[in-house]
Structures are given as structure tokens and as C-alpha cells.
Amino acid sequence: MQTGAVGNFANGKWHQYAFTANTATGLALYIDGQQVATNNQPFTWSMAQDTLKIGGMPGYGAYQYFGSMSDVAVFGTALSPDRILAQYQAATTPEPASMAALGLGVLALIKKRKSKVA
């Protein structure tokens, strides 16, 4: 599955990539909570025999990932489309406590600048 056909994400913003693998339905790729590609071939993977490599493929030096990653997770079962969307939305929606902390930080910065001017 290649992701180049679905967009160029070198835009300075964070994006969520989620892959699901199911022995019956194959592979699916989600970007920012939306399914963008599938491969309906049966999928099998053996922890004892196969290697999971995030950011490249063994033997394919030209296909290495160059960028930043955060919050890599591997689940024991394929997540549903609704669960993938919910995780994306949770990661992109600030919690009220985070917004309050940001507001307090801005107020402290303003106060600090005012005290330097005085």
C-alpha cells in the first residue's frame, strides 16, 4: 500500500496514520481519521517470524521515513473505523484543562512583560 497517491503531508502539520490488519478483510489505511486505502488480500503475521518496522522496510534503503513521529501504538486487534476517528478527534481537540493552563500562561507572560516595562 502506498500513501503518496492520497496526498502530500509535508505541510508542517501533524497527521495521524492508522493501519489496521485483519486476517479476513486485509489491510486498511486511515489518515486523520478517514479511510483512504485498502488492500483486501488476506493478511497473516507471526510475531515469531515477521518483523514490524515502523518508518521503513528491511532491504529497501530508498523507502526510509524522514520526519517526526509521536505516540506510536500497536494494538492486539484491528480497531474499528469509529475508534480510529475517535482517537484522532481526541488528539486534535484540546482538553478544557489544557486551554485553561494556556490562558494562565499567557496571563503570566503579560504580567511579566508589564513588570519589566515599569
PDB file of N, CA and C in Angstrom:
ATOM      1  N   MET A   1       0.845  -1.166   0.000  1.00  0.00           N
ATOM      2  CA  MET A   1       0.000   0.000   0.000  1.00  0.00           C
ATOM      3  C   MET A   1       0.892   1.231   0.000  1.00  0.00           C
ATOM      4  N   GLN A   2       0.706   2.131  -0.923  1.00  0.00           N
ATOM      5  CA  GLN A   2       1.483   3.361  -0.965  1.00  0.00           C
ATOM      6  C   GLN A   2       0.588   4.526  -0.589  1.00  0.00           C
ATOM      7  N   THR A   3       1.130   5.477   0.174  1.00  0.00           N
ATOM      8  CA  THR A   3       0.319   6.601   0.627  1.00  0.00           C
ATOM      9  C   THR A   3       0.526   7.840  -0.224  1.00  0.00           C
ATOM     10  N   GLY A   4       1.500   7.852  -1.110  1.00  0.00           N
ATOM     11  CA  GLY A   4       1.773   9.041  -1.907  1.00  0.00           C
ATOM     12  C   GLY A   4       0.597   9.480  -2.752  1.00  0.00           C
ATOM     13  N   ALA A   5      -0.244   8.545  -3.152  1.00  0.00           N
ATOM     14  CA  ALA A   5      -1.374   8.869  -4.013  1.00  0.00           C
ATOM     15  C   ALA A   5      -2.474   9.614  -3.275  1.00  0.00           C
ATOM     16  N   VAL A   6      -2.487   9.586  -1.957  1.00  0.00           N
ATOM     17  CA  VAL A   6      -3.569  10.218  -1.220  1.00  0.00           C
ATOM     18  C   VAL A   6      -3.218  11.603  -0.706  1.00  0.00           C
ATOM     19  N   GLY A   7      -2.026  12.077  -0.943  1.00  0.00           N
ATOM     20  CA  GLY A   7      -1.699  13.432  -0.537  1.00  0.00           C
ATOM     21  C   GLY A   7      -0.268  13.594  -0.088  1.00  0.00           C
ATOM     22  N   ASN A   8       0.161  14.829  -0.120  1.00  0.00           N
ATOM     23  CA  ASN A   8       1.487  15.188   0.357  1.00  0.00           C
ATOM     24  C   ASN A   8       1.314  15.832   1.724  1.00  0.00           C
ATOM     25  N   PHE A   9       1.888  15.220   2.743  1.00  0.00           N
ATOM     26  CA  PHE A   9       1.681  15.722   4.086  1.00  0.00           C
ATOM     27  C   PHE A   9       2.891  16.459   4.630  1.00  0.00           C
ATOM     28  N   ALA A  10       3.726  16.972   3.759  1.00  0.00           N
ATOM     29  CA  ALA A  10       4.888  17.760   4.180  1.00  0.00           C
ATOM     30  C   ALA A  10       4.458  19.217   4.323  1.00  0.00           C
ATOM     31  N   ASN A  11       3.437  19.457   5.144  1.00  0.00           N
ATOM     32  CA  ASN A  11       2.896  20.807   5.293  1.00  0.00           C
ATOM     33  C   ASN A  11       3.127  21.392   6.675  1.00  0.00           C
ATOM     34  N   GLY A  12       3.988  20.759   7.460  1.00  0.00           N
ATOM     35  CA  GLY A  12       4.307  21.296   8.779  1.00  0.00           C
ATOM     36  C   GLY A  12       3.260  21.002   9.840  1.00  0.00           C
ATOM     37  N   LYS A  13       2.224  20.255   9.523  1.00  0.00           N
ATOM     38  CA  LYS A  13       1.189  19.912  10.497  1.00  0.00           C
ATOM     39  C   LYS A  13       1.304  18.446  10.868  1.00  0.00           C
ATOM     40  N   TRP A  14       0.826  18.098  12.058  1.00  0.00           N
ATOM     41  CA  TRP A  14       0.804  16.710  12.499  1.00  0.00           C
ATOM     42  C   TRP A  14      -0.349  15.991  11.837  1.00  0.00           C
ATOM     43  N   HIS A  15      -0.120  14.724  11.497  1.00  0.00           N
ATOM     44  CA  HIS A  15      -1.156  13.887  10.904  1.00  0.00           C
ATOM     45  C   HIS A  15      -1.151  12.538  11.599  1.00  0.00           C
ATOM     46  N   GLN A  16      -2.338  11.954  11.718  1.00  0.00           N
ATOM     47  CA  GLN A  16      -2.457  10.619  12.293  1.00  0.00           C
ATOM     48  C   GLN A  16      -2.540   9.614  11.154  1.00  0.00           C
ATOM     49  N   TYR A  17      -1.649   8.635  11.177  1.00  0.00           N
ATOM     50  CA  TYR A  17      -1.692   7.500  10.258  1.00  0.00           C
ATOM     51  C   TYR A  17      -2.085   6.293  11.084  1.00  0.00           C
ATOM     52  N   ALA A  18      -3.098   5.555  10.652  1.00  0.00           N
ATOM     53  CA  ALA A  18      -3.501   4.333  11.342  1.00  0.00           C
ATOM     54  C   ALA A  18      -3.654   3.227  10.308  1.00  0.00           C
ATOM     55  N   PHE A  19      -3.025   2.098  10.578  1.00  0.00           N
ATOM     56  CA  PHE A  19      -3.160   0.915   9.737  1.00  0.00           C
ATOM     57  C   PHE A  19      -3.914  -0.132  10.534  1.00  0.00           C
ATOM     58  N   THR A  20      -4.823  -0.821   9.888  1.00  0.00           N
ATOM     59  CA  THR A  20      -5.452  -1.974  10.517  1.00  0.00           C
ATOM     60  C   THR A  20      -5.154  -3.197   9.669  1.00  0.00           C
ATOM     61  N   ALA A  21      -4.999  -4.316  10.318  1.00  0.00           N
ATOM     62  CA  ALA A  21      -4.739  -5.586   9.635  1.00  0.00           C
ATOM     63  C   ALA A  21      -5.696  -6.621  10.195  1.00  0.00           C
ATOM     64  N   ASN A  22      -6.404  -7.274   9.301  1.00  0.00           N
ATOM     65  CA  ASN A  22      -7.381  -8.268   9.696  1.00  0.00           C
ATOM     66  C   ASN A  22      -7.206  -9.481   8.798  1.00  0.00           C
ATOM     67  N   THR A  23      -7.153 -10.673   9.378  1.00  0.00           N
ATOM     68  CA  THR A  23      -6.907 -11.869   8.574  1.00  0.00           C
ATOM     69  C   THR A  23      -7.990 -12.093   7.529  1.00  0.00           C
ATOM     70  N   ALA A  24      -9.197 -11.617   7.762  1.00  0.00           N
ATOM     71  CA  ALA A  24     -10.291 -11.835   6.809  1.00  0.00           C
ATOM     72  C   ALA A  24     -10.421 -10.704   5.791  1.00  0.00           C
ATOM     73  N   THR A  25     -10.257  -9.463   6.228  1.00  0.00           N
ATOM     74  CA  THR A  25     -10.536  -8.327   5.340  1.00  0.00           C
ATOM     75  C   THR A  25      -9.289  -7.653   4.793  1.00  0.00           C
ATOM     76  N   GLY A  26      -8.114  -7.994   5.279  1.00  0.00           N
ATOM     77  CA  GLY A  26      -6.880  -7.401   4.769  1.00  0.00           C
ATOM     78  C   GLY A  26      -6.469  -6.142   5.510  1.00  0.00           C
ATOM     79  N   LEU A  27      -5.818  -5.244   4.792  1.00  0.00           N
ATOM     80  CA  LEU A  27      -5.256  -4.027   5.375  1.00  0.00           C
ATOM     81  C   LEU A  27      -6.108  -2.808   5.037  1.00  0.00           C
ATOM     82  N   ALA A  28      -6.084  -1.833   5.922  1.00  0.00           N
ATOM     83  CA  ALA A  28      -6.740  -0.556   5.661  1.00  0.00           C
ATOM     84  C   ALA A  28      -5.848   0.550   6.212  1.00  0.00           C
ATOM     85  N   LEU A  29      -5.802   1.661   5.510  1.00  0.00           N
ATOM     86  CA  LEU A  29      -5.030   2.830   5.930  1.00  0.00           C
ATOM     87  C   LEU A  29      -5.986   3.976   6.191  1.00  0.00           C
ATOM     88  N   TYR A  30      -5.782   4.621   7.339  1.00  0.00           N
ATOM     89  CA  TYR A  30      -6.568   5.793   7.710  1.00  0.00           C
ATOM     90  C   TYR A  30      -5.601   6.953   7.903  1.00  0.00           C
ATOM     91  N   ILE A  31      -5.962   8.106   7.386  1.00  0.00           N
ATOM     92  CA  ILE A  31      -5.177   9.322   7.615  1.00  0.00           C
ATOM     93  C   ILE A  31      -6.114  10.361   8.200  1.00  0.00           C
ATOM     94  N   ASP A  32      -5.739  10.877   9.347  1.00  0.00           N
ATOM     95  CA  ASP A  32      -6.538  11.870  10.069  1.00  0.00           C
ATOM     96  C   ASP A  32      -7.972  11.402  10.274  1.00  0.00           C
ATOM     97  N   GLY A  33      -8.127  10.114  10.634  1.00  0.00           N
ATOM     98  CA  GLY A  33      -9.427   9.565  10.983  1.00  0.00           C
ATOM     99  C   GLY A  33     -10.269   9.078   9.821  1.00  0.00           C
ATOM    100  N   GLN A  34      -9.800   9.249   8.591  1.00  0.00           N
ATOM    101  CA  GLN A  34     -10.582   8.853   7.414  1.00  0.00           C
ATOM    102  C   GLN A  34      -9.885   7.731   6.659  1.00  0.00           C
ATOM    103  N   GLN A  35     -10.638   6.696   6.269  1.00  0.00           N
ATOM    104  CA  GLN A  35     -10.055   5.605   5.490  1.00  0.00           C
ATOM    105  C   GLN A  35      -9.727   6.098   4.095  1.00  0.00           C
ATOM    106  N   VAL A  36      -8.477   5.858   3.657  1.00  0.00           N
ATOM    107  CA  VAL A  36      -8.029   6.354   2.348  1.00  0.00           C
ATOM    108  C   VAL A  36      -7.538   5.253   1.420  1.00  0.00           C
ATOM    109  N   ALA A  37      -7.274   4.046   1.943  1.00  0.00           N
ATOM    110  CA  ALA A  37      -6.786   2.966   1.086  1.00  0.00           C
ATOM    111  C   ALA A  37      -7.073   1.628   1.748  1.00  0.00           C
ATOM    112  N   THR A  38      -7.243   0.602   0.902  1.00  0.00           N
ATOM    113  CA  THR A  38      -7.430  -0.757   1.403  1.00  0.00           C
ATOM    114  C   THR A  38      -6.661  -1.731   0.522  1.00  0.00           C
ATOM    115  N   ASN A  39      -6.382  -2.875   1.090  1.00  0.00           N
ATOM    116  CA  ASN A  39      -5.796  -3.994   0.363  1.00  0.00           C
ATOM    117  C   ASN A  39      -6.555  -5.216   0.864  1.00  0.00           C
ATOM    118  N   ASN A  40      -7.465  -5.731   0.065  1.00  0.00           N
ATOM    119  CA  ASN A  40      -8.381  -6.771   0.519  1.00  0.00           C
ATOM    120  C   ASN A  40      -7.805  -8.184   0.470  1.00  0.00           C
ATOM    121  N   GLN A  41      -6.512  -8.313   0.378  1.00  0.00           N
ATOM    122  CA  GLN A  41      -5.895  -9.638   0.399  1.00  0.00           C
ATOM    123  C   GLN A  41      -5.786 -10.118   1.843  1.00  0.00           C
ATOM    124  N   PRO A  42      -6.006 -11.409   2.081  1.00  0.00           N
ATOM    125  CA  PRO A  42      -5.874 -11.923   3.451  1.00  0.00           C
ATOM    126  C   PRO A  42      -4.496 -11.588   4.028  1.00  0.00           C
ATOM    127  N   PHE A  43      -4.468 -11.292   5.301  1.00  0.00           N
ATOM    128  CA  PHE A  43      -3.252 -10.842   5.970  1.00  0.00           C
ATOM    129  C   PHE A  43      -2.928 -11.785   7.113  1.00  0.00           C
ATOM    130  N   THR A  44      -1.707 -12.226   7.173  1.00  0.00           N
ATOM    131  CA  THR A  44      -1.238 -13.000   8.324  1.00  0.00           C
ATOM    132  C   THR A  44       0.096 -12.423   8.785  1.00  0.00           C
ATOM    133  N   TRP A  45       0.339 -12.533  10.063  1.00  0.00           N
ATOM    134  CA  TRP A  45       1.588 -12.030  10.625  1.00  0.00           C
ATOM    135  C   TRP A  45       1.925 -12.885  11.830  1.00  0.00           C
ATOM    136  N   SER A  46       3.149 -13.275  11.923  1.00  0.00           N
ATOM    137  CA  SER A  46       3.609 -14.099  13.032  1.00  0.00           C
ATOM    138  C   SER A  46       4.669 -13.342  13.816  1.00  0.00           C
ATOM    139  N   MET A  47       4.414 -13.130  15.091  1.00  0.00           N
ATOM    140  CA  MET A  47       5.378 -12.406  15.919  1.00  0.00           C
ATOM    141  C   MET A  47       6.718 -13.136  15.960  1.00  0.00           C
ATOM    142  N   ALA A  48       6.690 -14.460  15.864  1.00  0.00           N
ATOM    143  CA  ALA A  48       7.921 -15.242  15.917  1.00  0.00           C
ATOM    144  C   ALA A  48       8.723 -15.168  14.619  1.00  0.00           C
ATOM    145  N   GLN A  49       8.056 -14.947  13.478  1.00  0.00           N
ATOM    146  CA  GLN A  49       8.741 -14.994  12.189  1.00  0.00           C
ATOM    147  C   GLN A  49       8.863 -13.646  11.488  1.00  0.00           C
ATOM    148  N   ASP A  50       7.927 -12.745  11.719  1.00  0.00           N
ATOM    149  CA  ASP A  50       7.895 -11.488  10.975  1.00  0.00           C
ATOM    150  C   ASP A  50       8.415 -10.333  11.823  1.00  0.00           C
ATOM    151  N   THR A  51       8.871  -9.297  11.139  1.00  0.00           N
ATOM    152  CA  THR A  51       9.395  -8.103  11.797  1.00  0.00           C
ATOM    153  C   THR A  51       8.460  -6.933  11.525  1.00  0.00           C
ATOM    154  N   LEU A  52       8.139  -6.203  12.555  1.00  0.00           N
ATOM    155  CA  LEU A  52       7.356  -4.980  12.406  1.00  0.00           C
ATOM    156  C   LEU A  52       8.350  -3.827  12.427  1.00  0.00           C
ATOM    157  N   LYS A  53       8.453  -3.121  11.326  1.00  0.00           N
ATOM    158  CA  LYS A  53       9.379  -1.993  11.236  1.00  0.00           C
ATOM    159  C   LYS A  53       8.577  -0.750  10.892  1.00  0.00           C
ATOM    160  N   ILE A  54       8.593   0.214  11.775  1.00  0.00           N
ATOM    161  CA  ILE A  54       7.853   1.455  11.577  1.00  0.00           C
ATOM    162  C   ILE A  54       8.828   2.500  11.049  1.00  0.00           C
ATOM    163  N   GLY A  55       8.560   2.989   9.860  1.00  0.00           N
ATOM    164  CA  GLY A  55       9.416   4.011   9.276  1.00  0.00           C
ATOM    165  C   GLY A  55      10.313   3.501   8.165  1.00  0.00           C
ATOM    166  N   GLY A  56      10.125   2.294   7.700  1.00  0.00           N
ATOM    167  CA  GLY A  56      10.936   1.779   6.610  1.00  0.00           C
ATOM    168  C   GLY A  56      10.681   0.308   6.387  1.00  0.00           C
ATOM    169  N   MET A  57      11.354  -0.229   5.404  1.00  0.00           N
ATOM    170  CA  MET A  57      11.223  -1.651   5.093  1.00  0.00           C
ATOM    171  C   MET A  57      12.618  -2.260   5.003  1.00  0.00           C
ATOM    172  N   PRO A  58      12.832  -3.403   5.632  1.00  0.00           N
ATOM    173  CA  PRO A  58      14.145  -4.044   5.535  1.00  0.00           C
ATOM    174  C   PRO A  58      14.509  -4.308   4.072  1.00  0.00           C
ATOM    175  N   GLY A  59      15.716  -3.940   3.692  1.00  0.00           N
ATOM    176  CA  GLY A  59      16.170  -4.180   2.326  1.00  0.00           C
ATOM    177  C   GLY A  59      15.782  -3.119   1.319  1.00  0.00           C
ATOM    178  N   TYR A  60      15.014  -2.108   1.737  1.00  0.00           N
ATOM    179  CA  TYR A  60      14.590  -1.040   0.820  1.00  0.00           C
ATOM    180  C   TYR A  60      15.107   0.294   1.348  1.00  0.00           C
ATOM    181  N   GLY A  61      16.385   0.549   1.167  1.00  0.00           N
ATOM    182  CA  GLY A  61      17.007   1.759   1.698  1.00  0.00           C
ATOM    183  C   GLY A  61      16.375   3.045   1.212  1.00  0.00           C
ATOM    184  N   ALA A  62      15.816   3.033  -0.001  1.00  0.00           N
ATOM    185  CA  ALA A  62      15.228   4.247  -0.559  1.00  0.00           C
ATOM    186  C   ALA A  62      13.877   4.575   0.065  1.00  0.00           C
ATOM    187  N   TYR A  63      13.272   3.638   0.788  1.00  0.00           N
ATOM    188  CA  TYR A  63      11.940   3.857   1.341  1.00  0.00           C
ATOM    189  C   TYR A  63      11.989   4.080   2.847  1.00  0.00           C
ATOM    190  N   GLN A  64      12.908   4.892   3.299  1.00  0.00           N
ATOM    191  CA  GLN A  64      13.020   5.201   4.713  1.00  0.00           C
ATOM    192  C   GLN A  64      12.207   6.452   5.018  1.00  0.00           C
ATOM    193  N   TYR A  65      11.633   6.506   6.205  1.00  0.00           N
ATOM    194  CA  TYR A  65      10.815   7.635   6.641  1.00  0.00           C
ATOM    195  C   TYR A  65      11.717   8.718   7.215  1.00  0.00           C
ATOM    196  N   PHE A  66      11.551   9.927   6.754  1.00  0.00           N
ATOM    197  CA  PHE A  66      12.285  11.071   7.291  1.00  0.00           C
ATOM    198  C   PHE A  66      11.251  12.048   7.824  1.00  0.00           C
ATOM    199  N   GLY A  67      11.210  12.220   9.107  1.00  0.00           N
ATOM    200  CA  GLY A  67      10.234  13.109   9.726  1.00  0.00           C
ATOM    201  C   GLY A  67      10.192  12.867  11.216  1.00  0.00           C
ATOM    202  N   SER A  68       9.121  13.280  11.834  1.00  0.00           N
ATOM    203  CA  SER A  68       8.933  13.110  13.272  1.00  0.00           C
ATOM    204  C   SER A  68       7.744  12.202  13.519  1.00  0.00           C
ATOM    205  N   MET A  69       7.836  11.410  14.581  1.00  0.00           N
ATOM    206  CA  MET A  69       6.722  10.556  14.991  1.00  0.00           C
ATOM    207  C   MET A  69       6.451  10.769  16.463  1.00  0.00           C
ATOM    208  N   SER A  70       5.215  10.610  16.822  1.00  0.00           N
ATOM    209  CA  SER A  70       4.821  10.705  18.213  1.00  0.00           C
ATOM    210  C   SER A  70       3.715   9.689  18.464  1.00  0.00           C
ATOM    211  N   ASP A  71       3.706   9.118  19.639  1.00  0.00           N
ATOM    212  CA  ASP A  71       2.618   8.239  20.063  1.00  0.00           C
ATOM    213  C   ASP A  71       2.391   7.054  19.138  1.00  0.00           C
ATOM    214  N   VAL A  72       3.418   6.282  18.905  1.00  0.00           N
ATOM    215  CA  VAL A  72       3.280   5.052  18.123  1.00  0.00           C
ATOM    216  C   VAL A  72       2.664   3.992  19.037  1.00  0.00           C
ATOM    217  N   ALA A  73       1.624   3.302  18.541  1.00  0.00           N
ATOM    218  CA  ALA A  73       0.945   2.275  19.337  1.00  0.00           C
ATOM    219  C   ALA A  73       0.635   1.069  18.463  1.00  0.00           C
ATOM    220  N   VAL A  74       0.718  -0.102  19.055  1.00  0.00           N
ATOM    221  CA  VAL A  74       0.354  -1.347  18.380  1.00  0.00           C
ATOM    222  C   VAL A  74      -0.682  -2.034  19.259  1.00  0.00           C
ATOM    223  N   PHE A  75      -1.825  -2.370  18.665  1.00  0.00           N
ATOM    224  CA  PHE A  75      -2.919  -2.997  19.396  1.00  0.00           C
ATOM    225  C   PHE A  75      -3.010  -4.466  19.013  1.00  0.00           C
ATOM    226  N   GLY A  76      -3.575  -5.273  19.872  1.00  0.00           N
ATOM    227  CA  GLY A  76      -3.711  -6.704  19.637  1.00  0.00           C
ATOM    228  C   GLY A  76      -4.815  -7.069  18.661  1.00  0.00           C
ATOM    229  N   THR A  77      -5.717  -6.138  18.376  1.00  0.00           N
ATOM    230  CA  THR A  77      -6.797  -6.371  17.420  1.00  0.00           C
ATOM    231  C   THR A  77      -6.937  -5.135  16.536  1.00  0.00           C
ATOM    232  N   ALA A  78      -7.569  -5.321  15.386  1.00  0.00           N
ATOM    233  CA  ALA A  78      -7.798  -4.189  14.479  1.00  0.00           C
ATOM    234  C   ALA A  78      -8.850  -3.263  15.082  1.00  0.00           C
ATOM    235  N   LEU A  79      -8.555  -1.976  15.127  1.00  0.00           N
ATOM    236  CA  LEU A  79      -9.514  -1.015  15.647  1.00  0.00           C
ATOM    237  C   LEU A  79     -10.602  -0.752  14.605  1.00  0.00           C
ATOM    238  N   SER A  80     -11.789  -0.438  15.084  1.00  0.00           N
ATOM    239  CA  SER A  80     -12.892  -0.114  14.176  1.00  0.00           C
ATOM    240  C   SER A  80     -12.689   1.290  13.610  1.00  0.00           C
ATOM    241  N   PRO A  81     -13.313   1.589  12.464  1.00  0.00           N
ATOM    242  CA  PRO A  81     -13.214   2.944  11.914  1.00  0.00           C
ATOM    243  C   PRO A  81     -13.675   4.009  12.914  1.00  0.00           C
ATOM    244  N   ASP A  82     -14.726   3.722  13.690  1.00  0.00           N
ATOM    245  CA  ASP A  82     -15.206   4.687  14.685  1.00  0.00           C
ATOM    246  C   ASP A  82     -14.169   4.936  15.772  1.00  0.00           C
ATOM    247  N   ARG A  83     -13.479   3.890  16.199  1.00  0.00           N
ATOM    248  CA  ARG A  83     -12.448   4.031  17.242  1.00  0.00           C
ATOM    249  C   ARG A  83     -11.260   4.842  16.720  1.00  0.00           C
ATOM    250  N   ILE A  84     -10.868   4.605  15.469  1.00  0.00           N
ATOM    251  CA  ILE A  84      -9.758   5.368  14.882  1.00  0.00           C
ATOM    252  C   ILE A  84     -10.127   6.843  14.790  1.00  0.00           C
ATOM    253  N   LEU A  85     -11.343   7.135  14.333  1.00  0.00           N
ATOM    254  CA  LEU A  85     -11.793   8.529  14.245  1.00  0.00           C
ATOM    255  C   LEU A  85     -11.848   9.166  15.625  1.00  0.00           C
ATOM    256  N   ALA A  86     -12.347   8.435  16.618  1.00  0.00           N
ATOM    257  CA  ALA A  86     -12.419   8.975  17.980  1.00  0.00           C
ATOM    258  C   ALA A  86     -11.035   9.286  18.533  1.00  0.00           C
ATOM    259  N   GLN A  87     -10.055   8.424  18.263  1.00  0.00           N
ATOM    260  CA  GLN A  87      -8.687   8.696  18.723  1.00  0.00           C
ATOM    261  C   GLN A  87      -8.121   9.929  18.040  1.00  0.00           C
ATOM    262  N   TYR A  88      -8.378  10.077  16.747  1.00  0.00           N
ATOM    263  CA  TYR A  88      -7.897  11.261  16.027  1.00  0.00           C
ATOM    264  C   TYR A  88      -8.534  12.523  16.612  1.00  0.00           C
ATOM    265  N   GLN A  89      -9.844  12.483  16.821  1.00  0.00           N
ATOM    266  CA  GLN A  89     -10.538  13.659  17.353  1.00  0.00           C
ATOM    267  C   GLN A  89     -10.067  13.995  18.764  1.00  0.00           C
ATOM    268  N   ALA A  90      -9.807  12.980  19.567  1.00  0.00           N
ATOM    269  CA  ALA A  90      -9.320  13.219  20.928  1.00  0.00           C
ATOM    270  C   ALA A  90      -7.941  13.865  20.914  1.00  0.00           C
ATOM    271  N   ALA A  91      -7.120  13.505  19.940  1.00  0.00           N
ATOM    272  CA  ALA A  91      -5.762  14.055  19.855  1.00  0.00           C
ATOM    273  C   ALA A  91      -5.749  15.465  19.296  1.00  0.00           C
ATOM    274  N   THR A  92      -6.780  15.851  18.548  1.00  0.00           N
ATOM    275  CA  THR A  92      -6.777  17.172  17.912  1.00  0.00           C
ATOM    276  C   THR A  92      -7.672  18.178  18.616  1.00  0.00           C
ATOM    277  N   THR A  93      -8.420  17.742  19.631  1.00  0.00           N
ATOM    278  CA  THR A  93      -9.288  18.639  20.385  1.00  0.00           C
ATOM    279  C   THR A  93      -8.660  18.886  21.748  1.00  0.00           C
ATOM    280  N   PRO A  94      -8.264  20.137  22.042  1.00  0.00           N
ATOM    281  CA  PRO A  94      -7.639  20.402  23.338  1.00  0.00           C
ATOM    282  C   PRO A  94      -8.615  20.162  24.487  1.00  0.00           C
ATOM    283  N   GLU A  95      -8.114  19.605  25.560  1.00  0.00           N
ATOM    284  CA  GLU A  95      -8.933  19.413  26.751  1.00  0.00           C
ATOM    285  C   GLU A  95      -9.167  20.772  27.399  1.00  0.00           C
ATOM    286  N   PRO A  96     -10.297  20.947  28.109  1.00  0.00           N
ATOM    287  CA  PRO A  96     -10.549  22.223  28.792  1.00  0.00           C
ATOM    288  C   PRO A  96      -9.422  22.606  29.753  1.00  0.00           C
ATOM    289  N   ALA A  97      -8.836  21.623  30.433  1.00  0.00           N
ATOM    290  CA  ALA A  97      -7.748  21.927  31.369  1.00  0.00           C
ATOM    291  C   ALA A  97      -6.537  22.476  30.630  1.00  0.00           C
ATOM    292  N   SER A  98      -6.276  21.969  29.429  1.00  0.00           N
ATOM    293  CA  SER A  98      -5.149  22.457  28.642  1.00  0.00           C
ATOM    294  C   SER A  98      -5.378  23.899  28.219  1.00  0.00           C
ATOM    295  N   MET A  99      -6.608  24.198  27.831  1.00  0.00           N
ATOM    296  CA  MET A  99      -6.927  25.572  27.429  1.00  0.00           C
ATOM    297  C   MET A  99      -6.801  26.525  28.619  1.00  0.00           C
ATOM    298  N   ALA A 100      -7.230  26.073  29.801  1.00  0.00           N
ATOM    299  CA  ALA A 100      -7.109  26.912  30.996  1.00  0.00           C
ATOM    300  C   ALA A 100      -5.644  27.157  31.333  1.00  0.00           C
ATOM    301  N   ALA A 101      -4.817  26.130  31.238  1.00  0.00           N
ATOM    302  CA  ALA A 101      -3.390  26.273  31.517  1.00  0.00           C
ATOM    303  C   ALA A 101      -2.745  27.225  30.511  1.00  0.00           C
ATOM    304  N   LEU A 102      -3.152  27.137  29.253  1.00  0.00           N
ATOM    305  CA  LEU A 102      -2.625  28.042  28.240  1.00  0.00           C
ATOM    306  C   LEU A 102      -3.015  29.476  28.576  1.00  0.00           C
ATOM    307  N   GLY A 103      -4.269  29.677  28.967  1.00  0.00           N
ATOM    308  CA  GLY A 103      -4.722  31.022  29.337  1.00  0.00           C
ATOM    309  C   GLY A 103      -3.947  31.585  30.508  1.00  0.00           C
ATOM    310  N   LEU A 104      -3.702  30.762  31.535  1.00  0.00           N
ATOM    311  CA  LEU A 104      -2.924  31.218  32.691  1.00  0.00           C
ATOM    312  C   LEU A 104      -1.492  31.552  32.296  1.00  0.00           C
ATOM    313  N   GLY A 105      -0.929  30.745  31.391  1.00  0.00           N
ATOM    314  CA  GLY A 105       0.429  31.014  30.920  1.00  0.00           C
ATOM    315  C   GLY A 105       0.524  32.334  30.180  1.00  0.00           C
ATOM    316  N   VAL A 106      -0.481  32.633  29.352  1.00  0.00           N
ATOM    317  CA  VAL A 106      -0.496  33.901  28.614  1.00  0.00           C
ATOM    318  C   VAL A 106      -0.630  35.061  29.591  1.00  0.00           C
ATOM    319  N   LEU A 107      -1.512  34.923  30.579  1.00  0.00           N
ATOM    320  CA  LEU A 107      -1.662  35.998  31.578  1.00  0.00           C
ATOM    321  C   LEU A 107      -0.362  36.228  32.345  1.00  0.00           C
ATOM    322  N   ALA A 108       0.325  35.152  32.725  1.00  0.00           N
ATOM    323  CA  ALA A 108       1.597  35.288  33.444  1.00  0.00           C
ATOM    324  C   ALA A 108       2.642  35.981  32.576  1.00  0.00           C
ATOM    325  N   LEU A 109       2.679  35.657  31.294  1.00  0.00           N
ATOM    326  CA  LEU A 109       3.628  36.285  30.376  1.00  0.00           C
ATOM    327  C   LEU A 109       3.337  37.774  30.234  1.00  0.00           C
ATOM    328  N   ILE A 110       2.066  38.139  30.107  1.00  0.00           N
ATOM    329  CA  ILE A 110       1.690  39.553  30.013  1.00  0.00           C
ATOM    330  C   ILE A 110       2.094  40.295  31.279  1.00  0.00           C
ATOM    331  N   LYS A 111       1.832  39.711  32.437  1.00  0.00           N
ATOM    332  CA  LYS A 111       2.183  40.343  33.707  1.00  0.00           C
ATOM    333  C   LYS A 111       3.688  40.521  33.812  1.00  0.00           C
ATOM    334  N   LYS A 112       4.452  39.499  33.390  1.00  0.00           N
ATOM    335  CA  LYS A 112       5.904  39.572  33.458  1.00  0.00           C
ATOM    336  C   LYS A 112       6.439  40.684  32.565  1.00  0.00           C
ATOM    337  N   ARG A 113       5.871  40.809  31.375  1.00  0.00           N
ATOM    338  CA  ARG A 113       6.318  41.868  30.456  1.00  0.00           C
ATOM    339  C   ARG A 113       5.982  43.250  30.993  1.00  0.00           C
ATOM    340  N   LYS A 114       4.797  43.390  31.612  1.00  0.00           N
ATOM    341  CA  LYS A 114       4.404  44.671  32.183  1.00  0.00           C
ATOM    342  C   LYS A 114       5.341  45.059  33.327  1.00  0.00           C
ATOM    343  N   SER A 115       5.754  44.076  34.130  1.00  0.00           N
ATOM    344  CA  SER A 115       6.638  44.395  35.255  1.00  0.00           C
ATOM    345  C   SER A 115       8.028  44.801  34.780  1.00  0.00           C
ATOM    346  N   LYS A 116       8.480  44.299  33.642  1.00  0.00           N
ATOM    347  CA  LYS A 116       9.786  44.688  33.084  1.00  0.00           C
ATOM    348  C   LYS A 116       9.746  46.103  32.548  1.00  0.00           C
ATOM    349  N   VAL A 117       8.593  46.529  32.008  1.00  0.00           N
ATOM    350  CA  VAL A 117       8.455  47.869  31.430  1.00  0.00           C
ATOM    351  C   VAL A 117       8.414  48.907  32.541  1.00  0.00           C
ATOM    352  N   ALA A 118       7.817  48.575  33.676  1.00  0.00           N
ATOM    353  CA  ALA A 118       7.633  49.536  34.770  1.00  0.00           C
ATOM    354  C   ALA A 118       8.898  49.891  35.469  1.00  0.00           C
TER     355      ALA A 118
END
